[in-house]
């Protein structure tokens, strides 16, 4: 189970769209996926581990592209941009400029950091070494988005949707662009890309048997639960197909508590048909918590732990919902301590443990865990959690700074898990 899957099953707080949505066209050309490994998760968790990896790469007799790219990926996750760019420049100068995946990563990161001219140069390099890669389109669209040239993006999507694999890649890219534009209150521009995505996913569903849930998944991700279920009516879905759809819906900012309640009977029915599928059972707990029924969510996670007491997603989510709801805090402590004992102090577990320690009144421990979690992966929601901890310590100015960092990265009341929204509003009001 890779980290992307694990995060989708674990996180209950911020429902942010992963950049992987834009990366979909690049998967065919990426040589490796360092951030998918458990080793990577552990390396990013402590400064000591990062320093050890740095020493290994520096003292190696021969320059290793893979080791240095792993190090660059760690820096990227930590938003240590000076070290990321220095490492990537070394990679490019030691043969990495011949590896499309490395060039793609470098180009799109340069553009995301508003270094457009250099990003354009590396896009040109990517076109040369992988002229048919759909990743080129994603990078070019990223540049055009930064420039506000939405008409050109529409032309780009239309020109590439008929290439092999192009329809799904362009639909996914359009969905991502629509999300970004809507977040920036560019509703009219976003609507064009929403329509393109829906039409493309509908065509994909109609024409490819292996993509028969594409439209339903899109509808679920955009909050149209009833339409998604109607689209699936009469289709005999496997647990993985169904699980992908419900996890996608859980990531959607449009998912309401009523929408979550609407899906719970469907998830329950699928769990009864496939009791061996643990991630479906996690999803059942997730949806109960989203619908506001903490005791039902707890019961779902405990049922999983009766079968496998070492199942990390259930331990983490159980700890999260209990601590965030400020109920059964001792049980939350036991659950997260067990998860950390089994998996190590990975950044996402440290985030949860920080929330648990906040609920338990260990404010110093909570701050330490949350800062280590942020050092491992500088995510917006973690700055919100840090702001909560600092506010509880009476450090109002520091809490305000942390909250502003969270908001700058996209945190708002609407994108948080429902059980955290009251705490967010209380924090905002307290900082006025």
Protein backbone atom coordinates (compact mmCIF):
# COMPACT_ATOMS: atom_id res chain seq x y z
CA UNK A 1 0.00 0.00 0.00
CA UNK A 2 1.67 3.22 -1.12
CA UNK A 3 1.61 6.50 0.72
CA UNK A 4 -0.92 8.07 -1.61
CA UNK A 5 -3.36 5.28 -0.83
CA UNK A 6 -2.52 5.38 2.83
CA UNK A 7 -3.03 9.14 3.07
CA UNK A 8 -6.41 8.87 1.35
CA UNK A 9 -7.49 6.32 3.92
CA UNK A 10 -5.87 8.05 6.87
CA UNK A 11 -6.50 11.74 6.68
CA UNK A 12 -9.75 13.06 8.01
CA UNK A 13 -8.97 16.75 8.17
CA UNK A 14 -8.07 18.67 5.02
CA UNK A 15 -9.68 17.49 1.78
CA UNK A 16 -7.20 19.01 -0.61
CA UNK A 17 -6.75 17.91 -4.22
CA UNK A 18 -3.49 16.13 -4.67
CA UNK A 19 -1.12 17.39 -7.32
CA UNK A 20 -1.20 13.77 -8.51
CA UNK A 21 -4.30 14.78 -10.43
CA UNK A 22 -2.12 16.93 -12.68
CA UNK A 23 0.63 14.32 -12.65
CA UNK A 24 -1.58 11.64 -14.20
CA UNK A 25 -0.13 12.16 -17.63
CA UNK A 26 3.38 11.76 -16.28
CA UNK A 27 3.03 8.30 -14.82
CA UNK A 28 4.06 6.60 -18.03
CA UNK A 29 7.44 8.32 -18.03
CA UNK A 30 8.41 8.51 -14.34
CA UNK A 31 11.27 6.11 -13.68
CA UNK A 32 10.56 5.73 -9.96
CA UNK A 33 8.15 6.86 -7.28
CA UNK A 34 10.30 7.52 -4.19
CA UNK A 35 7.48 9.13 -2.23
CA UNK A 36 5.46 5.92 -2.44
CA UNK A 37 7.74 3.92 -0.17
CA UNK A 38 7.59 3.36 3.55
CA UNK A 39 11.31 4.16 3.63
CA UNK A 40 10.51 7.60 2.24
CA UNK A 41 7.82 8.16 4.87
CA UNK A 42 10.28 7.31 7.60
CA UNK A 43 13.12 9.39 6.11
CA UNK A 44 10.98 12.53 6.03
CA UNK A 45 9.93 12.13 9.66
CA UNK A 46 13.13 13.25 11.41
CA UNK A 47 15.90 15.71 10.72
CA UNK A 48 18.43 13.02 11.71
CA UNK A 49 17.19 10.68 9.00
CA UNK A 50 17.32 13.43 6.38
CA UNK A 51 20.86 14.30 7.44
CA UNK A 52 21.85 10.64 7.18
CA UNK A 53 20.48 10.45 3.63
CA UNK A 54 22.36 13.65 2.76
CA UNK A 55 25.61 12.16 4.05
CA UNK A 56 25.04 8.97 2.06
CA UNK A 57 24.59 10.89 -1.19
CA UNK A 58 27.53 13.20 -0.55
CA UNK A 59 29.95 10.44 0.42
CA UNK A 60 29.01 7.98 -2.31
CA UNK A 61 31.87 6.98 -4.59
CA UNK A 62 29.61 7.49 -7.60
CA UNK A 63 26.77 9.97 -8.07
CA UNK A 64 23.48 8.11 -7.68
CA UNK A 65 20.53 9.62 -9.54
CA UNK A 66 18.03 7.61 -7.52
CA UNK A 67 19.45 8.50 -4.09
CA UNK A 68 19.78 12.18 -4.97
CA UNK A 69 16.27 12.27 -6.42
CA UNK A 70 14.96 10.70 -3.23
CA UNK A 71 16.74 13.46 -1.30
CA UNK A 72 15.30 16.14 -3.61
CA UNK A 73 11.83 14.70 -3.12
CA UNK A 74 12.29 14.90 0.64
CA UNK A 75 13.30 18.56 0.33
CA UNK A 76 10.29 19.23 -1.88
CA UNK A 77 7.91 17.68 0.61
CA UNK A 78 9.46 19.81 3.35
CA UNK A 79 9.35 22.90 1.10
CA UNK A 80 13.07 23.37 1.59
CA UNK A 81 13.33 25.01 -1.81
CA UNK A 82 16.97 26.11 -1.76
CA UNK A 83 18.15 22.55 -1.11
CA UNK A 84 15.58 21.08 -3.51
CA UNK A 85 16.73 23.25 -6.40
CA UNK A 86 20.42 22.75 -5.59
CA UNK A 87 19.95 18.97 -5.56
CA UNK A 88 17.90 18.97 -8.77
CA UNK A 89 20.54 21.06 -10.53
CA UNK A 90 23.12 18.45 -9.52
CA UNK A 91 20.82 15.70 -10.81
CA UNK A 92 20.33 17.48 -14.13
CA UNK A 93 24.09 17.89 -14.49
CA UNK A 94 24.78 14.21 -13.82
CA UNK A 95 22.54 12.56 -16.38
CA UNK A 96 19.14 13.40 -14.94
CA UNK A 97 18.36 15.62 -17.90
CA UNK A 98 17.95 12.41 -19.93
CA UNK A 99 15.27 11.02 -17.58
CA UNK A 100 11.83 12.42 -18.45
CA UNK A 101 10.42 11.88 -14.96
CA UNK A 102 13.14 13.95 -13.32
CA UNK A 103 12.84 16.71 -15.91
CA UNK A 104 9.06 16.77 -15.49
CA UNK A 105 9.32 17.09 -11.71
CA UNK A 106 11.88 19.88 -12.00
CA UNK A 107 9.91 21.82 -14.62
CA UNK A 108 6.56 21.70 -12.85
CA UNK A 109 8.15 22.62 -9.50
CA UNK A 110 9.95 25.60 -11.03
CA UNK A 111 6.67 26.83 -12.46
CA UNK A 112 4.81 26.27 -9.19
CA UNK A 113 7.47 28.41 -7.50
CA UNK A 114 6.89 31.10 -10.14
CA UNK A 115 10.23 30.57 -11.86
CA UNK A 116 8.48 30.54 -15.23
CA UNK A 117 11.37 31.27 -17.64
CA UNK A 118 13.53 28.43 -16.29
CA UNK A 119 10.48 26.16 -16.09
CA UNK A 120 9.83 26.87 -19.78
CA UNK A 121 13.40 25.87 -20.62
CA UNK A 122 12.98 22.51 -18.92
CA UNK A 123 9.60 22.02 -20.60
CA UNK A 124 11.40 22.46 -23.92
CA UNK A 125 13.91 19.82 -22.78
CA UNK A 126 11.05 17.48 -21.81
CA UNK A 127 9.49 17.89 -25.25
CA UNK A 128 12.80 16.92 -26.82
CA UNK A 129 13.43 13.73 -24.83
CA UNK A 130 9.78 12.63 -24.52
CA UNK A 131 7.90 14.32 -27.35
CA UNK A 132 4.79 12.18 -27.02
CA UNK A 133 4.46 12.34 -23.24
CA UNK A 134 1.19 13.74 -21.95
CA UNK A 135 3.17 15.20 -19.07
CA UNK A 136 4.27 17.91 -21.48
CA UNK A 137 0.68 19.08 -21.70
CA UNK A 138 0.35 19.22 -17.91
CA UNK A 139 3.45 21.41 -17.60
CA UNK A 140 2.40 23.68 -20.45
CA UNK A 141 -1.07 24.07 -18.92
CA UNK A 142 0.60 24.96 -15.63
CA UNK A 143 2.51 27.77 -17.33
CA UNK A 144 -0.60 29.03 -19.12
CA UNK A 145 -2.56 28.97 -15.86
CA UNK A 146 0.10 31.11 -14.19
CA UNK A 147 -0.24 33.52 -17.12
CA UNK A 148 -4.05 33.50 -16.98
CA UNK A 149 -4.30 32.27 -20.57
CA UNK A 150 -7.34 30.03 -20.10
CA UNK A 151 -8.41 30.09 -23.75
CA UNK A 152 -5.09 28.60 -24.76
CA UNK A 153 -5.50 25.88 -22.13
CA UNK A 154 -8.87 24.95 -23.64
CA UNK A 155 -7.21 24.64 -27.05
CA UNK A 156 -4.45 22.51 -25.52
CA UNK A 157 -6.92 20.11 -23.90
CA UNK A 158 -8.96 19.75 -27.08
CA UNK A 159 -5.83 19.13 -29.18
CA UNK A 160 -4.58 16.31 -26.97
CA UNK A 161 -7.71 14.46 -25.85
CA UNK A 162 -7.66 12.10 -28.84
CA UNK A 163 -4.12 10.87 -28.22
CA UNK A 164 -3.69 7.40 -26.63
CA UNK A 165 -4.55 7.88 -22.98
CA UNK A 166 -5.26 11.52 -23.71
CA UNK A 167 -8.96 11.65 -22.88
CA UNK A 168 -8.56 10.58 -19.27
CA UNK A 169 -5.43 12.68 -18.79
CA UNK A 170 -7.06 15.81 -20.22
CA UNK A 171 -10.26 15.23 -18.22
CA UNK A 172 -8.23 14.88 -15.03
CA UNK A 173 -6.22 17.99 -15.86
CA UNK A 174 -9.39 19.97 -16.59
CA UNK A 175 -10.87 18.88 -13.26
CA UNK A 176 -7.76 20.00 -11.42
CA UNK A 177 -7.74 23.36 -13.20
CA UNK A 178 -11.42 23.87 -12.38
CA UNK A 179 -10.70 23.22 -8.72
CA UNK A 180 -7.86 25.75 -8.68
CA UNK A 181 -9.90 28.41 -10.48
CA UNK A 182 -12.90 27.91 -8.22
CA UNK A 183 -10.67 28.18 -5.18
CA UNK A 184 -9.49 31.54 -6.56
CA UNK A 185 -13.14 32.64 -7.09
CA UNK A 186 -12.80 32.53 -10.88
CA UNK A 187 -16.16 30.80 -11.21
CA UNK A 188 -16.89 31.56 -14.86
CA UNK A 189 -13.50 30.30 -15.99
CA UNK A 190 -13.81 27.21 -13.78
CA UNK A 191 -17.20 26.31 -15.26
CA UNK A 192 -15.68 25.77 -18.73
CA UNK A 193 -13.23 23.23 -17.36
CA UNK A 194 -15.88 21.51 -15.21
CA UNK A 195 -17.93 21.00 -18.38
CA UNK A 196 -14.95 19.71 -20.34
CA UNK A 197 -14.10 17.26 -17.55
CA UNK A 198 -17.66 15.94 -17.22
CA UNK A 199 -18.09 15.49 -20.97
CA UNK A 200 -14.74 13.74 -21.25
CA UNK A 201 -15.37 11.40 -18.31
CA UNK A 202 -18.79 10.58 -19.80
CA UNK A 203 -17.17 9.65 -23.12
CA UNK A 204 -14.55 7.59 -21.31
CA UNK A 205 -17.26 5.71 -19.40
CA UNK A 206 -19.20 5.00 -22.58
CA UNK A 207 -16.26 3.89 -24.71
CA UNK A 208 -13.93 1.98 -22.36
CA UNK A 209 -15.12 -0.96 -20.26
CA UNK A 210 -12.21 -0.58 -17.85
CA UNK A 211 -13.27 3.04 -17.20
CA UNK A 212 -16.96 2.37 -16.61
CA UNK A 213 -16.95 4.24 -13.28
CA UNK A 214 -15.08 7.31 -14.59
CA UNK A 215 -18.15 9.55 -14.79
CA UNK A 216 -19.59 8.31 -11.50
CA UNK A 217 -16.27 8.99 -9.80
CA UNK A 218 -16.18 12.51 -11.20
CA UNK A 219 -19.75 13.19 -10.07
CA UNK A 220 -18.96 11.88 -6.60
CA UNK A 221 -15.82 14.02 -6.36
CA UNK A 222 -17.86 17.10 -7.29
CA UNK A 223 -20.55 16.40 -4.71
CA UNK A 224 -23.30 15.03 -6.97
CA UNK A 225 -23.84 11.88 -4.94
CA UNK A 226 -27.32 11.03 -6.21
CA UNK A 227 -26.25 11.46 -9.83
CA UNK A 228 -23.19 9.28 -9.18
CA UNK A 229 -25.35 6.51 -7.70
CA UNK A 230 -27.79 6.80 -10.58
CA UNK A 231 -24.90 6.46 -13.01
CA UNK A 232 -23.80 3.26 -11.24
CA UNK A 233 -27.29 1.78 -11.14
CA UNK A 234 -27.33 -1.69 -12.69
CA UNK A 235 -23.54 -2.02 -12.75
CA UNK A 236 -22.00 -4.83 -10.72
CA UNK A 237 -18.99 -3.15 -9.19
CA UNK A 238 -15.97 -4.76 -7.61
CA UNK A 239 -14.80 -3.50 -4.21
CA UNK A 240 -11.81 -1.65 -5.66
CA UNK A 241 -13.92 0.20 -8.23
CA UNK A 242 -16.45 1.20 -5.58
CA UNK A 243 -13.77 2.03 -3.04
CA UNK A 244 -12.03 4.38 -5.46
CA UNK A 245 -15.27 6.25 -6.00
CA UNK A 246 -16.16 6.68 -2.33
CA UNK A 247 -12.63 7.74 -1.42
CA UNK A 248 -12.75 10.29 -4.22
CA UNK A 249 -16.02 11.66 -2.88
CA UNK A 250 -14.48 11.98 0.57
CA UNK A 251 -11.82 14.27 -0.90
CA UNK A 252 -14.39 16.58 -2.49
CA UNK A 253 -14.98 20.02 -0.93
CA UNK A 254 -18.59 19.71 -2.08
CA UNK A 255 -19.33 16.64 0.05
CA UNK A 256 -22.00 17.50 2.61
CA UNK A 257 -22.98 15.61 5.71
CA UNK A 258 -26.23 14.68 3.96
CA UNK A 259 -24.24 13.39 1.00
CA UNK A 260 -22.13 11.29 3.36
CA UNK A 261 -25.27 9.86 4.95
CA UNK A 262 -26.59 9.02 1.49
CA UNK A 263 -23.52 6.91 0.73
CA UNK A 264 -23.30 5.04 4.05
CA UNK A 265 -25.91 2.36 3.18
CA UNK A 266 -24.16 1.74 -0.14
CA UNK A 267 -20.79 1.35 1.58
CA UNK A 268 -22.31 -0.90 4.25
CA UNK A 269 -23.80 -3.15 1.57
CA UNK A 270 -20.45 -3.41 -0.21
CA UNK A 271 -18.66 -4.19 3.07
CA UNK A 272 -21.12 -7.02 3.73
CA UNK A 273 -20.41 -8.45 0.26
CA UNK A 274 -16.63 -8.05 0.64
CA UNK A 275 -15.83 -8.33 4.37
CA UNK A 276 -12.17 -9.05 3.55
CA UNK A 277 -11.67 -5.58 2.07
CA UNK A 278 -10.23 -3.55 4.94
CA UNK A 279 -10.09 -0.23 3.10
CA UNK A 280 -13.83 -0.36 2.41
CA UNK A 281 -14.34 -0.87 6.12
CA UNK A 282 -12.13 2.14 6.82
CA UNK A 283 -14.25 4.12 4.36
CA UNK A 284 -17.36 3.14 6.30
CA UNK A 285 -15.85 4.60 9.46
CA UNK A 286 -14.72 7.69 7.57
CA UNK A 287 -18.23 8.33 6.25
CA UNK A 288 -19.85 7.85 9.64
CA UNK A 289 -17.45 10.43 11.08
CA UNK A 290 -18.13 12.81 8.18
CA UNK A 291 -21.86 12.43 8.82
CA UNK A 292 -21.25 13.39 12.46
CA UNK A 293 -21.83 9.98 14.06
CA UNK A 294 -18.62 9.52 16.02
CA UNK A 295 -19.81 6.45 17.90
CA UNK A 296 -20.71 4.63 14.68
CA UNK A 297 -17.34 5.61 13.21
CA UNK A 298 -15.60 4.33 16.33
CA UNK A 299 -17.51 1.06 16.10
CA UNK A 300 -16.44 0.62 12.45
CA UNK A 301 -12.76 1.17 13.26
CA UNK A 302 -12.91 -1.12 16.30
CA UNK A 303 -14.45 -3.85 14.16
CA UNK A 304 -11.46 -3.63 11.84
CA UNK A 305 -9.06 -3.78 14.79
CA UNK A 306 -10.78 -6.93 16.06
CA UNK A 307 -9.57 -8.60 12.85
CA UNK A 308 -6.20 -6.89 12.67
CA UNK A 309 -5.09 -4.98 15.75
CA UNK A 310 -2.11 -3.59 13.81
CA UNK A 311 -4.04 -2.00 10.93
CA UNK A 312 -2.56 1.51 10.87
CA UNK A 313 -5.38 3.38 9.03
CA UNK A 314 -7.95 2.23 11.59
CA UNK A 315 -5.70 3.08 14.54
CA UNK A 316 -4.91 6.52 13.13
CA UNK A 317 -8.46 7.44 12.17
CA UNK A 318 -9.84 6.22 15.47
CA UNK A 319 -7.35 8.40 17.34
CA UNK A 320 -8.10 11.36 15.09
CA UNK A 321 -11.88 11.40 15.45
CA UNK A 322 -11.83 10.82 19.21
CA UNK A 323 -9.24 13.54 19.85
CA UNK A 324 -10.84 16.05 17.47
CA UNK A 325 -14.22 15.40 19.12
CA UNK A 326 -12.60 15.51 22.59
CA UNK A 327 -14.19 12.22 23.64
CA UNK A 328 -12.53 9.02 24.91
CA UNK A 329 -9.17 10.79 24.84
CA UNK A 330 -7.42 7.98 26.73
CA UNK A 331 -8.51 5.59 23.99
CA UNK A 332 -7.19 7.99 21.37
CA UNK A 333 -3.82 8.06 23.14
CA UNK A 334 -3.63 4.27 23.15
CA UNK A 335 -4.55 4.03 19.47
CA UNK A 336 -2.04 6.58 18.17
CA UNK A 337 0.74 5.29 20.42
CA UNK A 338 0.17 1.81 19.00
CA UNK A 339 0.25 3.18 15.43
CA UNK A 340 3.53 5.02 16.02
CA UNK A 341 5.03 1.98 17.72
CA UNK A 342 4.18 -0.16 14.69
CA UNK A 343 4.97 2.25 11.87
CA UNK A 344 7.42 4.71 13.37
CA UNK A 345 7.01 8.48 13.79
CA UNK A 346 5.96 9.22 10.22
CA UNK A 347 4.79 12.75 9.52
CA UNK A 348 1.08 11.92 9.17
CA UNK A 349 1.07 9.94 12.42
CA UNK A 350 2.88 12.77 14.21
CA UNK A 351 0.16 15.13 12.99
CA UNK A 352 -2.49 12.92 14.55
CA UNK A 353 -0.47 12.43 17.72
CA UNK A 354 -0.11 16.20 18.03
CA UNK A 355 -3.90 16.54 17.91
CA UNK A 356 -4.27 13.76 20.47
CA UNK A 357 -1.75 15.39 22.81
CA UNK A 358 -3.61 18.70 22.46
CA UNK A 359 -6.81 16.98 23.56
CA UNK A 360 -4.95 15.30 26.42
CA UNK A 361 -3.52 18.62 27.64
CA UNK A 362 0.12 17.86 26.77
CA UNK A 363 0.67 21.15 24.97
CA UNK A 364 4.47 21.00 24.84
CA UNK A 365 4.36 17.47 23.42
CA UNK A 366 1.65 18.50 20.97
CA UNK A 367 3.74 21.39 19.66
CA UNK A 368 6.83 19.21 19.31
CA UNK A 369 4.96 16.55 17.35
CA UNK A 370 3.24 19.06 15.11
CA UNK A 371 6.45 20.89 14.26
CA UNK A 372 8.13 17.57 13.42
CA UNK A 373 5.13 16.68 11.26
CA UNK A 374 5.43 20.00 9.41
CA UNK A 375 9.17 19.44 8.98
CA UNK A 376 8.33 16.09 7.39
CA UNK A 377 5.69 17.52 5.07
CA UNK A 378 4.71 21.17 5.15
CA UNK A 379 0.95 20.75 4.68
CA UNK A 380 -1.61 23.50 5.12
CA UNK A 381 -3.81 21.62 7.60
CA UNK A 382 -0.87 21.03 9.89
CA UNK A 383 -0.35 24.77 10.25
CA UNK A 384 -3.98 24.99 11.35
CA UNK A 385 -3.35 22.29 13.95
CA UNK A 386 -0.21 24.12 15.08
CA UNK A 387 -2.25 27.31 15.41
CA UNK A 388 -4.71 25.47 17.68
CA UNK A 389 -1.87 24.27 19.88
CA UNK A 390 -0.21 27.69 20.10
CA UNK A 391 -3.55 29.32 20.93
CA UNK A 392 -4.06 26.81 23.74
CA UNK A 393 -0.64 27.85 25.07
CA UNK A 394 -1.74 31.49 25.08
CA UNK A 395 0.67 32.46 22.29
CA UNK A 396 -1.82 34.46 20.28
CA UNK A 397 0.61 36.17 17.93
CA UNK A 398 2.29 32.88 17.02
CA UNK A 399 -1.10 31.22 16.58
CA UNK A 400 -2.20 33.97 14.22
CA UNK A 401 0.95 33.56 12.14
CA UNK A 402 0.41 29.79 11.88
CA UNK A 403 -3.25 30.23 10.94
CA UNK A 404 -2.34 32.74 8.24
CA UNK A 405 0.14 30.20 6.84
CA UNK A 406 -2.63 27.59 6.76
CA UNK A 407 -5.08 29.95 5.07
CA UNK A 408 -2.49 31.03 2.50
CA UNK A 409 -2.16 27.36 1.50
CA UNK A 410 -5.92 26.90 1.15
CA UNK A 411 -7.33 26.01 4.56
CA UNK A 412 -10.83 27.28 5.22
CA UNK A 413 -13.73 26.12 7.34
CA UNK A 414 -15.35 24.45 4.33
CA UNK A 415 -12.42 22.18 3.47
CA UNK A 416 -11.91 20.82 6.96
CA UNK A 417 -13.51 17.70 8.37
CA UNK A 418 -16.89 18.62 9.93
CA UNK A 419 -15.70 17.70 13.42
CA UNK A 420 -12.92 20.33 13.11
CA UNK A 421 -15.02 23.19 11.77
CA UNK A 422 -16.23 24.45 15.15
CA UNK A 423 -12.64 24.52 16.43
CA UNK A 424 -11.56 26.42 13.32
CA UNK A 425 -14.29 29.02 13.79
CA UNK A 426 -13.44 29.36 17.47
CA UNK A 427 -9.80 29.90 16.58
CA UNK A 428 -10.63 32.52 13.93
CA UNK A 429 -12.94 34.37 16.33
CA UNK A 430 -10.37 34.21 19.11
CA UNK A 431 -7.70 35.77 16.91
CA UNK A 432 -9.78 38.75 15.83
